[in-house]
């Protein structure tokens, strides 16, 4: 991640560990498609499991494509390896798809592009085309049920914000989804990728 950006907040994030970044220009410069080198970096998670014990690790959160650090595509097998390790140790895998969601990788979501299903997915920006603030969390059924089938005296999901489910944001989201469907936009990047990649690599 961006170390300088989180430096001042470090003391507020007790118990948060970071694994190494996959950016490796020495081995992956000018890669066509997903870089060949770096899948082994996912094994840093095994090191943290050995250090802390899996029972103390709630989740791993990762962007399918690292956005603000350079639009870095994950190495071949990297996300699959994270999924394997999380499954092995009962750790939730969360994809931050605020940047990659809603067609930016040639599929509706990066999870589909890379063939890895997370337990939770966070989205924003593209859900309303950025014109109205809105965010959402998608969850697998097992996680949904864990919240919704608790003791009877508890509120189903004991969390909320003043502007949750704001009508304007919801209307913008629905209109945006209609626009994506009408224009077949969620897969447009996939149809353009070969032309774009050829033009980009011609600049080397």
N, C-alpha and C. Protein backbone atom coordinates (compact mmCIF):
# COMPACT_ATOMS: atom_id res chain seq x y z
N UNK A 1 0.80 -1.20 0.00
CA UNK A 1 0.00 0.00 0.00
C UNK A 1 0.84 1.25 0.00
N UNK A 2 0.21 2.36 0.27
CA UNK A 2 0.88 3.66 0.26
C UNK A 2 1.28 4.01 1.70
N UNK A 3 2.50 3.70 2.04
CA UNK A 3 2.99 3.82 3.42
C UNK A 3 2.85 5.25 3.93
N UNK A 4 3.22 6.23 3.12
CA UNK A 4 3.17 7.62 3.56
C UNK A 4 1.74 8.05 3.91
N UNK A 5 0.78 7.54 3.18
CA UNK A 5 -0.62 7.93 3.41
C UNK A 5 -1.16 7.40 4.73
N UNK A 6 -0.69 6.25 5.16
CA UNK A 6 -1.23 5.67 6.39
C UNK A 6 -0.35 5.93 7.61
N UNK A 7 0.78 6.60 7.42
CA UNK A 7 1.75 6.78 8.50
C UNK A 7 1.13 7.43 9.72
N UNK A 8 0.38 8.51 9.52
CA UNK A 8 -0.17 9.25 10.67
C UNK A 8 -1.30 8.49 11.36
N UNK A 9 -1.84 7.45 10.70
CA UNK A 9 -2.95 6.71 11.30
C UNK A 9 -2.52 5.38 11.90
N UNK A 10 -1.23 5.08 11.87
CA UNK A 10 -0.74 3.79 12.31
C UNK A 10 -1.16 3.41 13.71
N UNK A 11 -1.10 4.38 14.63
CA UNK A 11 -1.44 4.08 16.03
C UNK A 11 -2.92 3.78 16.21
N UNK A 12 -3.74 4.16 15.23
CA UNK A 12 -5.18 3.91 15.31
C UNK A 12 -5.57 2.57 14.71
N UNK A 13 -4.60 1.90 14.10
CA UNK A 13 -4.87 0.63 13.42
C UNK A 13 -4.12 -0.51 14.10
N UNK A 14 -4.26 -0.59 15.38
CA UNK A 14 -3.57 -1.66 16.11
C UNK A 14 -4.05 -3.02 15.63
N UNK A 15 -3.11 -3.92 15.45
CA UNK A 15 -3.47 -5.28 15.05
C UNK A 15 -3.66 -5.46 13.56
N UNK A 16 -3.28 -4.46 12.77
CA UNK A 16 -3.37 -4.58 11.31
C UNK A 16 -1.97 -4.82 10.75
N UNK A 17 -1.81 -5.93 10.05
CA UNK A 17 -0.53 -6.25 9.42
C UNK A 17 -0.65 -6.07 7.92
N UNK A 18 0.48 -5.84 7.27
CA UNK A 18 0.52 -5.70 5.82
C UNK A 18 1.48 -6.73 5.23
N UNK A 19 1.06 -7.33 4.13
CA UNK A 19 1.98 -8.21 3.42
C UNK A 19 2.63 -7.43 2.29
N UNK A 20 3.69 -7.98 1.75
CA UNK A 20 4.46 -7.25 0.75
C UNK A 20 3.64 -6.95 -0.50
N UNK A 21 3.99 -5.83 -1.12
CA UNK A 21 3.34 -5.42 -2.35
C UNK A 21 3.81 -6.32 -3.49
N UNK A 22 2.98 -6.46 -4.52
CA UNK A 22 3.35 -7.31 -5.66
C UNK A 22 4.11 -6.56 -6.74
N UNK A 23 4.31 -5.27 -6.58
CA UNK A 23 5.01 -4.48 -7.61
C UNK A 23 6.46 -4.92 -7.70
N UNK A 24 6.86 -5.45 -8.86
CA UNK A 24 8.22 -5.97 -9.04
C UNK A 24 8.70 -5.62 -10.45
N UNK A 25 9.05 -4.35 -10.68
CA UNK A 25 9.44 -3.94 -12.03
C UNK A 25 10.69 -4.64 -12.54
N UNK A 26 11.55 -5.10 -11.65
CA UNK A 26 12.77 -5.79 -12.09
C UNK A 26 12.44 -7.06 -12.85
N UNK A 27 11.37 -7.75 -12.44
CA UNK A 27 11.00 -9.01 -13.10
C UNK A 27 9.79 -8.88 -14.02
N UNK A 28 8.95 -7.90 -13.77
CA UNK A 28 7.67 -7.85 -14.48
C UNK A 28 7.49 -6.64 -15.39
N UNK A 29 8.57 -5.89 -15.64
CA UNK A 29 8.44 -4.71 -16.49
C UNK A 29 7.91 -5.09 -17.87
N UNK A 30 6.98 -4.30 -18.37
CA UNK A 30 6.39 -4.48 -19.70
C UNK A 30 5.68 -5.82 -19.86
N UNK A 31 5.11 -6.31 -18.79
CA UNK A 31 4.34 -7.55 -18.87
C UNK A 31 3.14 -7.35 -19.78
N UNK A 32 2.83 -8.39 -20.54
CA UNK A 32 1.61 -8.40 -21.35
C UNK A 32 0.59 -9.23 -20.58
N UNK A 33 -0.47 -8.58 -20.12
CA UNK A 33 -1.43 -9.29 -19.29
C UNK A 33 -0.93 -9.39 -17.86
N UNK A 34 -1.34 -10.46 -17.19
CA UNK A 34 -0.95 -10.64 -15.79
C UNK A 34 0.53 -10.99 -15.69
N UNK A 35 1.28 -10.32 -14.81
CA UNK A 35 2.71 -10.62 -14.65
C UNK A 35 2.95 -12.07 -14.27
N UNK A 36 4.07 -12.61 -14.71
CA UNK A 36 4.40 -14.01 -14.44
C UNK A 36 4.96 -14.22 -13.04
N UNK A 37 5.58 -13.20 -12.49
CA UNK A 37 6.30 -13.36 -11.23
C UNK A 37 5.58 -12.67 -10.08
N UNK A 38 5.55 -13.33 -8.92
CA UNK A 38 5.03 -12.69 -7.72
C UNK A 38 3.94 -13.42 -6.99
N UNK A 39 3.44 -14.52 -7.54
CA UNK A 39 2.38 -15.26 -6.85
C UNK A 39 2.83 -15.72 -5.47
N UNK A 40 4.13 -15.98 -5.34
CA UNK A 40 4.65 -16.49 -4.07
C UNK A 40 4.54 -15.45 -2.94
N UNK A 41 4.34 -14.19 -3.29
CA UNK A 41 4.21 -13.16 -2.27
C UNK A 41 2.96 -13.36 -1.42
N UNK A 42 1.98 -14.06 -1.96
CA UNK A 42 0.77 -14.36 -1.18
C UNK A 42 1.10 -15.22 0.03
N UNK A 43 2.20 -15.96 -0.04
CA UNK A 43 2.58 -16.81 1.08
C UNK A 43 3.01 -16.01 2.31
N UNK A 44 3.17 -14.70 2.15
CA UNK A 44 3.40 -13.85 3.33
C UNK A 44 2.26 -14.02 4.34
N UNK A 45 1.08 -14.33 3.83
CA UNK A 45 -0.06 -14.54 4.73
C UNK A 45 0.17 -15.75 5.63
N UNK A 46 0.80 -16.78 5.10
CA UNK A 46 1.13 -17.95 5.92
C UNK A 46 2.09 -17.57 7.04
N UNK A 47 2.99 -16.64 6.74
CA UNK A 47 3.93 -16.18 7.77
C UNK A 47 3.19 -15.48 8.90
N UNK A 48 2.19 -14.67 8.54
CA UNK A 48 1.40 -13.98 9.57
C UNK A 48 0.55 -14.96 10.37
N UNK A 49 0.06 -15.99 9.71
CA UNK A 49 -0.70 -17.02 10.42
C UNK A 49 0.19 -17.71 11.44
N UNK A 50 1.41 -18.04 11.03
CA UNK A 50 2.34 -18.69 11.95
C UNK A 50 2.72 -17.76 13.11
N UNK A 51 2.77 -16.47 12.84
CA UNK A 51 3.16 -15.50 13.86
C UNK A 51 2.05 -15.23 14.86
N UNK A 52 0.82 -15.09 14.36
CA UNK A 52 -0.28 -14.65 15.22
C UNK A 52 -1.29 -15.74 15.56
N UNK A 53 -1.36 -16.79 14.77
CA UNK A 53 -2.39 -17.83 14.82
C UNK A 53 -3.61 -17.37 14.02
N UNK A 54 -4.13 -18.27 13.20
CA UNK A 54 -5.23 -17.94 12.30
C UNK A 54 -6.47 -17.46 13.05
N UNK A 55 -6.65 -17.93 14.27
CA UNK A 55 -7.84 -17.55 15.04
C UNK A 55 -7.87 -16.06 15.38
N UNK A 56 -6.75 -15.38 15.24
CA UNK A 56 -6.69 -13.95 15.54
C UNK A 56 -6.78 -13.08 14.28
N UNK A 57 -6.89 -13.71 13.12
CA UNK A 57 -6.94 -12.97 11.85
C UNK A 57 -8.36 -13.05 11.30
N UNK A 58 -9.04 -11.93 11.31
CA UNK A 58 -10.44 -11.91 10.87
C UNK A 58 -10.55 -11.97 9.36
N UNK A 59 -9.71 -11.20 8.67
CA UNK A 59 -9.89 -11.10 7.22
C UNK A 59 -8.63 -10.56 6.56
N UNK A 60 -8.57 -10.78 5.27
CA UNK A 60 -7.55 -10.19 4.41
C UNK A 60 -8.30 -9.33 3.40
N UNK A 61 -7.87 -8.09 3.24
CA UNK A 61 -8.52 -7.20 2.28
C UNK A 61 -7.50 -6.77 1.23
N UNK A 62 -7.92 -6.84 -0.03
CA UNK A 62 -7.00 -6.56 -1.14
C UNK A 62 -7.80 -5.99 -2.31
N UNK A 63 -7.17 -5.11 -3.06
CA UNK A 63 -7.75 -4.66 -4.32
C UNK A 63 -7.38 -5.67 -5.40
N UNK A 64 -8.32 -6.15 -6.20
CA UNK A 64 -7.95 -7.06 -7.29
C UNK A 64 -6.89 -6.46 -8.21
N UNK A 65 -7.01 -5.18 -8.49
CA UNK A 65 -5.97 -4.41 -9.18
C UNK A 65 -5.61 -3.26 -8.25
N UNK A 66 -4.34 -3.16 -7.88
CA UNK A 66 -3.91 -2.09 -6.97
C UNK A 66 -4.04 -0.76 -7.70
N UNK A 67 -4.95 0.08 -7.25
CA UNK A 67 -5.28 1.29 -7.99
C UNK A 67 -4.36 2.45 -7.76
N UNK A 68 -4.41 3.06 -6.57
CA UNK A 68 -3.68 4.30 -6.33
C UNK A 68 -2.17 4.12 -6.30
N UNK A 69 -1.70 2.88 -6.20
CA UNK A 69 -0.26 2.64 -6.21
C UNK A 69 0.28 2.37 -7.61
N UNK A 70 -0.55 2.50 -8.63
CA UNK A 70 -0.03 2.37 -9.98
C UNK A 70 -0.84 1.55 -10.95
N UNK A 71 -2.05 1.19 -10.62
CA UNK A 71 -2.89 0.32 -11.47
C UNK A 71 -2.10 -0.95 -11.78
N UNK A 72 -1.79 -1.69 -10.75
CA UNK A 72 -0.94 -2.87 -10.85
C UNK A 72 -1.78 -4.14 -10.90
N UNK A 73 -1.66 -4.87 -12.00
CA UNK A 73 -2.40 -6.12 -12.18
C UNK A 73 -1.75 -7.19 -11.31
N UNK A 74 -2.53 -8.04 -10.67
CA UNK A 74 -1.94 -9.07 -9.80
C UNK A 74 -1.17 -10.11 -10.61
N UNK A 75 -0.10 -10.64 -10.05
CA UNK A 75 0.63 -11.71 -10.74
C UNK A 75 -0.25 -12.93 -10.94
N UNK A 76 0.09 -13.72 -11.93
CA UNK A 76 -0.65 -14.95 -12.21
C UNK A 76 -0.67 -15.84 -10.97
N UNK A 77 -1.86 -16.23 -10.53
CA UNK A 77 -2.00 -17.13 -9.40
C UNK A 77 -2.00 -16.47 -8.04
N UNK A 78 -1.74 -15.17 -7.97
CA UNK A 78 -1.63 -14.49 -6.68
C UNK A 78 -2.95 -14.49 -5.92
N UNK A 79 -4.01 -14.03 -6.55
CA UNK A 79 -5.30 -13.97 -5.87
C UNK A 79 -5.83 -15.36 -5.57
N UNK A 80 -5.56 -16.31 -6.47
CA UNK A 80 -5.97 -17.70 -6.21
C UNK A 80 -5.26 -18.25 -4.98
N UNK A 81 -3.99 -17.91 -4.83
CA UNK A 81 -3.23 -18.38 -3.67
C UNK A 81 -3.77 -17.75 -2.38
N UNK A 82 -4.10 -16.47 -2.42
CA UNK A 82 -4.71 -15.85 -1.24
C UNK A 82 -6.01 -16.56 -0.86
N UNK A 83 -6.81 -16.88 -1.86
CA UNK A 83 -8.07 -17.58 -1.61
C UNK A 83 -7.81 -18.94 -0.96
N UNK A 84 -6.82 -19.67 -1.46
CA UNK A 84 -6.49 -20.98 -0.90
C UNK A 84 -6.07 -20.88 0.56
N UNK A 85 -5.22 -19.91 0.86
CA UNK A 85 -4.73 -19.76 2.23
C UNK A 85 -5.87 -19.35 3.16
N UNK A 86 -6.71 -18.44 2.71
CA UNK A 86 -7.85 -18.01 3.53
C UNK A 86 -8.79 -19.18 3.80
N UNK A 87 -9.06 -19.99 2.78
CA UNK A 87 -9.93 -21.16 2.96
C UNK A 87 -9.30 -22.15 3.94
N UNK A 88 -8.01 -22.34 3.81
CA UNK A 88 -7.30 -23.29 4.66
C UNK A 88 -7.40 -22.93 6.14
N UNK A 89 -7.36 -21.63 6.43
CA UNK A 89 -7.29 -21.19 7.82
C UNK A 89 -8.59 -20.54 8.33
N UNK A 90 -9.63 -20.55 7.52
CA UNK A 90 -10.89 -19.96 7.97
C UNK A 90 -10.85 -18.45 8.08
N UNK A 91 -10.13 -17.81 7.18
CA UNK A 91 -9.99 -16.35 7.16
C UNK A 91 -10.85 -15.79 6.03
N UNK A 92 -11.56 -14.71 6.29
CA UNK A 92 -12.38 -14.10 5.24
C UNK A 92 -11.49 -13.36 4.24
N UNK A 93 -11.87 -13.45 2.96
CA UNK A 93 -11.18 -12.71 1.91
C UNK A 93 -12.10 -11.60 1.41
N UNK A 94 -11.62 -10.37 1.51
CA UNK A 94 -12.41 -9.20 1.11
C UNK A 94 -11.75 -8.55 -0.10
N UNK A 95 -12.53 -8.31 -1.14
CA UNK A 95 -12.04 -7.56 -2.30
C UNK A 95 -12.57 -6.13 -2.22
N UNK A 96 -11.66 -5.17 -2.27
CA UNK A 96 -12.02 -3.76 -2.38
C UNK A 96 -12.17 -3.46 -3.87
N UNK A 97 -13.42 -3.41 -4.34
CA UNK A 97 -13.68 -3.19 -5.76
C UNK A 97 -14.22 -1.78 -6.03
N UNK A 98 -13.84 -0.85 -5.18
CA UNK A 98 -14.25 0.54 -5.39
C UNK A 98 -13.73 1.03 -6.74
N UNK A 99 -12.53 0.64 -7.10
CA UNK A 99 -11.94 1.07 -8.37
C UNK A 99 -12.20 0.06 -9.49
N UNK A 100 -12.12 -1.23 -9.20
CA UNK A 100 -12.21 -2.24 -10.25
C UNK A 100 -13.64 -2.64 -10.61
N UNK A 101 -14.60 -2.27 -9.78
CA UNK A 101 -15.97 -2.71 -10.01
C UNK A 101 -16.68 -2.00 -11.15
N UNK A 102 -17.74 -2.61 -11.62
CA UNK A 102 -18.63 -2.05 -12.63
C UNK A 102 -17.94 -1.85 -13.98
N UNK A 103 -17.31 -2.92 -14.45
CA UNK A 103 -16.84 -2.98 -15.83
C UNK A 103 -15.44 -2.54 -16.12
N UNK A 104 -14.71 -2.11 -15.12
CA UNK A 104 -13.39 -1.54 -15.42
C UNK A 104 -12.34 -2.58 -15.81
N UNK A 105 -12.61 -3.85 -15.55
CA UNK A 105 -11.65 -4.90 -15.94
C UNK A 105 -12.21 -5.79 -17.05
N UNK A 106 -13.29 -5.38 -17.68
CA UNK A 106 -13.87 -6.17 -18.75
C UNK A 106 -14.97 -7.11 -18.32
N UNK A 107 -15.22 -7.16 -17.04
CA UNK A 107 -16.33 -7.90 -16.45
C UNK A 107 -17.01 -6.97 -15.45
N UNK A 108 -18.21 -7.33 -15.00
CA UNK A 108 -18.82 -6.47 -13.99
C UNK A 108 -17.91 -6.20 -12.79
N UNK A 109 -17.16 -7.24 -12.37
CA UNK A 109 -16.26 -7.06 -11.22
C UNK A 109 -14.93 -7.76 -11.46
N UNK A 110 -13.90 -7.25 -10.80
CA UNK A 110 -12.58 -7.85 -10.93
C UNK A 110 -12.55 -9.29 -10.48
N UNK A 111 -13.37 -9.63 -9.50
CA UNK A 111 -13.43 -11.02 -9.03
C UNK A 111 -13.74 -11.96 -10.18
N UNK A 112 -14.61 -11.54 -11.09
CA UNK A 112 -14.95 -12.37 -12.25
C UNK A 112 -13.81 -12.41 -13.25
N UNK A 113 -13.15 -11.29 -13.44
CA UNK A 113 -12.03 -11.24 -14.37
C UNK A 113 -10.92 -12.20 -13.96
N UNK A 114 -10.64 -12.26 -12.66
CA UNK A 114 -9.53 -13.08 -12.18
C UNK A 114 -9.97 -14.45 -11.66
N UNK A 115 -11.26 -14.73 -11.71
CA UNK A 115 -11.75 -16.05 -11.36
C UNK A 115 -11.61 -16.41 -9.89
N UNK A 116 -11.74 -15.43 -9.02
CA UNK A 116 -11.63 -15.66 -7.58
C UNK A 116 -12.84 -15.04 -6.90
N UNK A 117 -13.52 -15.82 -6.07
CA UNK A 117 -14.71 -15.33 -5.39
C UNK A 117 -14.38 -14.94 -3.96
N UNK A 118 -14.52 -13.67 -3.61
CA UNK A 118 -14.25 -13.25 -2.23
C UNK A 118 -15.44 -13.55 -1.33
N UNK A 119 -15.24 -13.41 -0.03
CA UNK A 119 -16.34 -13.56 0.92
C UNK A 119 -17.14 -12.27 1.03
N UNK A 120 -16.45 -11.15 0.92
CA UNK A 120 -17.07 -9.83 0.96
C UNK A 120 -16.48 -8.98 -0.14
N UNK A 121 -17.28 -8.05 -0.65
CA UNK A 121 -16.81 -7.15 -1.69
C UNK A 121 -17.33 -5.75 -1.40
N UNK A 122 -16.43 -4.78 -1.36
CA UNK A 122 -16.84 -3.39 -1.17
C UNK A 122 -16.85 -2.68 -2.52
N UNK A 123 -17.88 -1.87 -2.75
CA UNK A 123 -18.00 -1.14 -4.00
C UNK A 123 -18.42 0.30 -3.72
N UNK A 124 -18.14 1.17 -4.66
CA UNK A 124 -18.55 2.58 -4.60
C UNK A 124 -18.23 3.18 -5.97
N UNK A 125 -18.17 4.48 -6.06
CA UNK A 125 -17.83 5.20 -7.29
C UNK A 125 -18.69 4.75 -8.46
N UNK A 126 -18.32 3.63 -9.09
CA UNK A 126 -19.02 3.19 -10.28
C UNK A 126 -20.47 2.83 -10.06
N UNK A 127 -20.86 2.60 -8.83
CA UNK A 127 -22.25 2.21 -8.57
C UNK A 127 -23.22 3.34 -8.90
N UNK A 128 -22.73 4.59 -8.87
CA UNK A 128 -23.56 5.74 -9.27
C UNK A 128 -22.87 6.56 -10.35
N UNK A 129 -21.84 6.00 -10.96
CA UNK A 129 -21.02 6.74 -11.92
C UNK A 129 -20.31 7.92 -11.25
N UNK A 130 -20.20 7.88 -9.94
CA UNK A 130 -19.49 8.91 -9.21
C UNK A 130 -20.24 10.22 -9.06
N UNK A 131 -21.48 10.29 -9.52
CA UNK A 131 -22.20 11.57 -9.48
C UNK A 131 -22.87 11.83 -8.14
N UNK A 132 -23.11 10.78 -7.36
CA UNK A 132 -23.70 10.90 -6.03
C UNK A 132 -22.95 9.94 -5.12
N UNK A 133 -22.53 10.36 -3.93
CA UNK A 133 -21.81 9.44 -3.03
C UNK A 133 -22.66 8.23 -2.66
N UNK A 134 -22.10 7.05 -2.85
CA UNK A 134 -22.79 5.82 -2.46
C UNK A 134 -21.77 4.70 -2.39
N UNK A 135 -21.95 3.83 -1.43
CA UNK A 135 -21.11 2.65 -1.31
C UNK A 135 -21.97 1.47 -0.90
N UNK A 136 -21.44 0.28 -1.08
CA UNK A 136 -22.18 -0.92 -0.72
C UNK A 136 -21.21 -2.04 -0.40
N UNK A 137 -21.71 -3.03 0.31
CA UNK A 137 -20.94 -4.23 0.62
C UNK A 137 -21.74 -5.43 0.15
N UNK A 138 -21.12 -6.28 -0.66
CA UNK A 138 -21.73 -7.53 -1.09
C UNK A 138 -21.16 -8.64 -0.21
N UNK A 139 -21.99 -9.57 0.19
CA UNK A 139 -21.55 -10.64 1.09
C UNK A 139 -22.06 -11.99 0.60
N UNK A 140 -21.25 -13.01 0.83
CA UNK A 140 -21.72 -14.36 0.56
C UNK A 140 -22.86 -14.71 1.52
N UNK A 141 -23.66 -15.68 1.12
CA UNK A 141 -24.85 -16.03 1.89
C UNK A 141 -24.53 -16.40 3.33
N UNK A 142 -23.42 -17.11 3.53
CA UNK A 142 -23.08 -17.56 4.89
C UNK A 142 -22.83 -16.37 5.82
N UNK A 143 -22.27 -15.30 5.28
CA UNK A 143 -22.00 -14.12 6.09
C UNK A 143 -23.29 -13.36 6.35
N UNK A 144 -24.10 -13.23 5.34
CA UNK A 144 -25.42 -12.61 5.50
C UNK A 144 -26.20 -13.32 6.59
N UNK A 145 -26.23 -14.65 6.53
CA UNK A 145 -27.01 -15.42 7.49
C UNK A 145 -26.48 -15.27 8.91
N UNK A 146 -25.16 -15.11 9.05
CA UNK A 146 -24.58 -14.95 10.38
C UNK A 146 -25.11 -13.69 11.07
N UNK A 147 -25.37 -12.65 10.29
CA UNK A 147 -25.93 -11.42 10.85
C UNK A 147 -27.44 -11.51 11.04
N UNK A 148 -28.11 -12.16 10.12
CA UNK A 148 -29.57 -12.12 10.10
C UNK A 148 -30.23 -13.20 10.94
N UNK A 149 -29.47 -14.16 11.43
CA UNK A 149 -30.06 -15.26 12.21
C UNK A 149 -29.52 -15.28 13.63
N UNK A 150 -29.21 -14.13 14.17
CA UNK A 150 -28.71 -14.05 15.54
C UNK A 150 -29.84 -14.17 16.55
N UNK A 151 -29.53 -13.98 17.82
CA UNK A 151 -30.56 -14.04 18.86
C UNK A 151 -31.71 -13.08 18.58
N UNK A 152 -32.91 -13.44 18.97
CA UNK A 152 -34.10 -12.66 18.65
C UNK A 152 -34.07 -11.25 19.21
N UNK A 153 -33.38 -11.05 20.34
CA UNK A 153 -33.39 -9.73 20.98
C UNK A 153 -32.45 -8.75 20.29
N UNK A 154 -31.66 -9.21 19.33
CA UNK A 154 -30.70 -8.34 18.67
C UNK A 154 -31.26 -7.79 17.36
N UNK A 155 -30.87 -6.56 17.04
CA UNK A 155 -31.16 -6.00 15.73
C UNK A 155 -30.34 -6.79 14.71
N UNK A 156 -30.93 -7.06 13.54
CA UNK A 156 -30.27 -7.91 12.56
C UNK A 156 -28.86 -7.42 12.22
N UNK A 157 -28.76 -6.16 11.87
CA UNK A 157 -27.45 -5.62 11.51
C UNK A 157 -27.26 -4.34 12.31
N UNK A 158 -26.56 -4.46 13.41
CA UNK A 158 -26.45 -3.37 14.38
C UNK A 158 -25.42 -2.34 13.93
N UNK A 159 -25.74 -1.66 12.85
CA UNK A 159 -24.81 -0.68 12.30
C UNK A 159 -25.58 0.18 11.29
N UNK A 160 -25.20 1.42 11.16
CA UNK A 160 -25.87 2.26 10.18
C UNK A 160 -25.34 3.68 10.20
N UNK A 161 -25.70 4.42 9.18
CA UNK A 161 -25.29 5.81 9.07
C UNK A 161 -26.52 6.69 8.86
N UNK A 162 -26.37 7.96 9.13
CA UNK A 162 -27.48 8.89 8.96
C UNK A 162 -28.02 8.87 7.53
N UNK A 163 -27.11 8.73 6.56
CA UNK A 163 -27.53 8.81 5.16
C UNK A 163 -27.61 7.44 4.49
N UNK A 164 -27.67 6.37 5.24
CA UNK A 164 -27.80 5.04 4.65
C UNK A 164 -29.07 4.95 3.81
N UNK A 165 -28.95 4.32 2.64
CA UNK A 165 -30.08 4.12 1.73
C UNK A 165 -30.75 5.45 1.36
N UNK A 166 -29.95 6.47 1.17
CA UNK A 166 -30.49 7.78 0.79
C UNK A 166 -31.22 7.65 -0.55
N UNK A 167 -32.44 8.15 -0.66
CA UNK A 167 -33.22 7.97 -1.90
C UNK A 167 -32.52 8.50 -3.15
N UNK A 168 -31.82 9.64 -3.03
CA UNK A 168 -31.13 10.19 -4.19
C UNK A 168 -30.02 9.25 -4.66
N UNK A 169 -29.23 8.74 -3.71
CA UNK A 169 -28.16 7.83 -4.07
C UNK A 169 -28.71 6.55 -4.69
N UNK A 170 -29.77 6.03 -4.12
CA UNK A 170 -30.37 4.80 -4.65
C UNK A 170 -30.92 5.02 -6.05
N UNK A 171 -31.55 6.17 -6.29
CA UNK A 171 -32.07 6.48 -7.62
C UNK A 171 -30.93 6.61 -8.62
N UNK A 172 -29.84 7.26 -8.20
CA UNK A 172 -28.68 7.40 -9.09
C UNK A 172 -28.07 6.04 -9.39
N UNK A 173 -28.01 5.17 -8.38
CA UNK A 173 -27.48 3.84 -8.59
C UNK A 173 -28.31 3.03 -9.56
N UNK A 174 -29.62 3.06 -9.42
CA UNK A 174 -30.50 2.33 -10.32
C UNK A 174 -30.39 2.86 -11.75
N UNK A 175 -30.33 4.18 -11.90
CA UNK A 175 -30.20 4.77 -13.23
C UNK A 175 -28.86 4.39 -13.87
N UNK A 176 -27.81 4.37 -13.06
CA UNK A 176 -26.49 4.00 -13.57
C UNK A 176 -26.48 2.55 -14.03
N UNK A 177 -27.06 1.66 -13.25
CA UNK A 177 -27.12 0.25 -13.64
C UNK A 177 -27.90 0.08 -14.94
N UNK A 178 -28.97 0.83 -15.11
CA UNK A 178 -29.73 0.78 -16.37
C UNK A 178 -28.86 1.24 -17.55
N UNK A 179 -28.08 2.30 -17.32
CA UNK A 179 -27.20 2.81 -18.38
C UNK A 179 -26.14 1.79 -18.75
N UNK A 180 -25.57 1.13 -17.75
CA UNK A 180 -24.59 0.07 -18.03
C UNK A 180 -25.21 -1.01 -18.90
N UNK A 181 -26.42 -1.42 -18.56
CA UNK A 181 -27.09 -2.49 -19.30
C UNK A 181 -27.47 -2.05 -20.70
N UNK A 182 -28.03 -0.87 -20.83
CA UNK A 182 -28.48 -0.37 -22.14
C UNK A 182 -27.31 -0.22 -23.11
N UNK A 183 -26.17 0.20 -22.61
CA UNK A 183 -25.01 0.41 -23.46
C UNK A 183 -24.05 -0.75 -23.52
N UNK A 184 -24.40 -1.85 -22.86
CA UNK A 184 -23.52 -3.03 -22.79
C UNK A 184 -22.12 -2.61 -22.35
N UNK A 185 -22.07 -1.79 -21.32
CA UNK A 185 -20.81 -1.17 -20.91
C UNK A 185 -19.97 -2.02 -19.96
N UNK A 186 -20.58 -2.95 -19.26
CA UNK A 186 -19.82 -3.69 -18.24
C UNK A 186 -18.77 -4.61 -18.84
N UNK A 187 -18.90 -4.96 -20.11
CA UNK A 187 -17.90 -5.82 -20.77
C UNK A 187 -17.18 -5.09 -21.90
N UNK A 188 -17.40 -3.80 -22.01
CA UNK A 188 -16.79 -3.04 -23.11
C UNK A 188 -15.27 -3.04 -23.04
N UNK A 189 -14.71 -2.96 -21.84
CA UNK A 189 -13.25 -2.94 -21.70
C UNK A 189 -12.63 -4.22 -22.25
N UNK A 190 -13.31 -5.34 -22.10
CA UNK A 190 -12.79 -6.60 -22.63
C UNK A 190 -12.73 -6.57 -24.15
N UNK A 191 -13.70 -5.92 -24.76
CA UNK A 191 -13.71 -5.84 -26.23
C UNK A 191 -12.64 -4.89 -26.75
N UNK A 192 -12.17 -3.99 -25.92
CA UNK A 192 -11.17 -3.00 -26.34
C UNK A 192 -9.76 -3.35 -25.90
N UNK A 193 -9.60 -4.39 -25.08
CA UNK A 193 -8.31 -4.60 -24.42
C UNK A 193 -7.17 -4.91 -25.38
N UNK A 194 -7.42 -5.69 -26.43
CA UNK A 194 -6.33 -6.03 -27.35
C UNK A 194 -5.83 -4.80 -28.09
N UNK A 195 -6.74 -3.98 -28.55
CA UNK A 195 -6.36 -2.75 -29.26
C UNK A 195 -5.60 -1.81 -28.33
N UNK A 196 -6.09 -1.68 -27.10
CA UNK A 196 -5.43 -0.79 -26.14
C UNK A 196 -4.04 -1.31 -25.78
N UNK A 197 -3.94 -2.62 -25.53
CA UNK A 197 -2.64 -3.19 -25.14
C UNK A 197 -1.62 -3.05 -26.26
N UNK A 198 -2.05 -3.27 -27.50
CA UNK A 198 -1.14 -3.12 -28.63
C UNK A 198 -0.63 -1.69 -28.74
N UNK A 199 -1.53 -0.73 -28.60
CA UNK A 199 -1.13 0.67 -28.68
C UNK A 199 -0.20 1.05 -27.53
N UNK A 200 -0.51 0.55 -26.34
CA UNK A 200 0.29 0.88 -25.16
C UNK A 200 1.70 0.32 -25.28
N UNK A 201 1.82 -0.95 -25.68
CA UNK A 201 3.15 -1.57 -25.77
C UNK A 201 3.95 -1.05 -26.96
N UNK A 202 3.29 -0.40 -27.90
CA UNK A 202 4.03 0.19 -29.02
C UNK A 202 4.86 1.38 -28.58
N UNK A 203 4.59 1.90 -27.38
CA UNK A 203 5.32 3.06 -26.87
C UNK A 203 6.65 2.68 -26.22
N UNK A 204 6.92 1.38 -26.09
CA UNK A 204 8.16 0.97 -25.42
C UNK A 204 9.39 1.44 -26.19
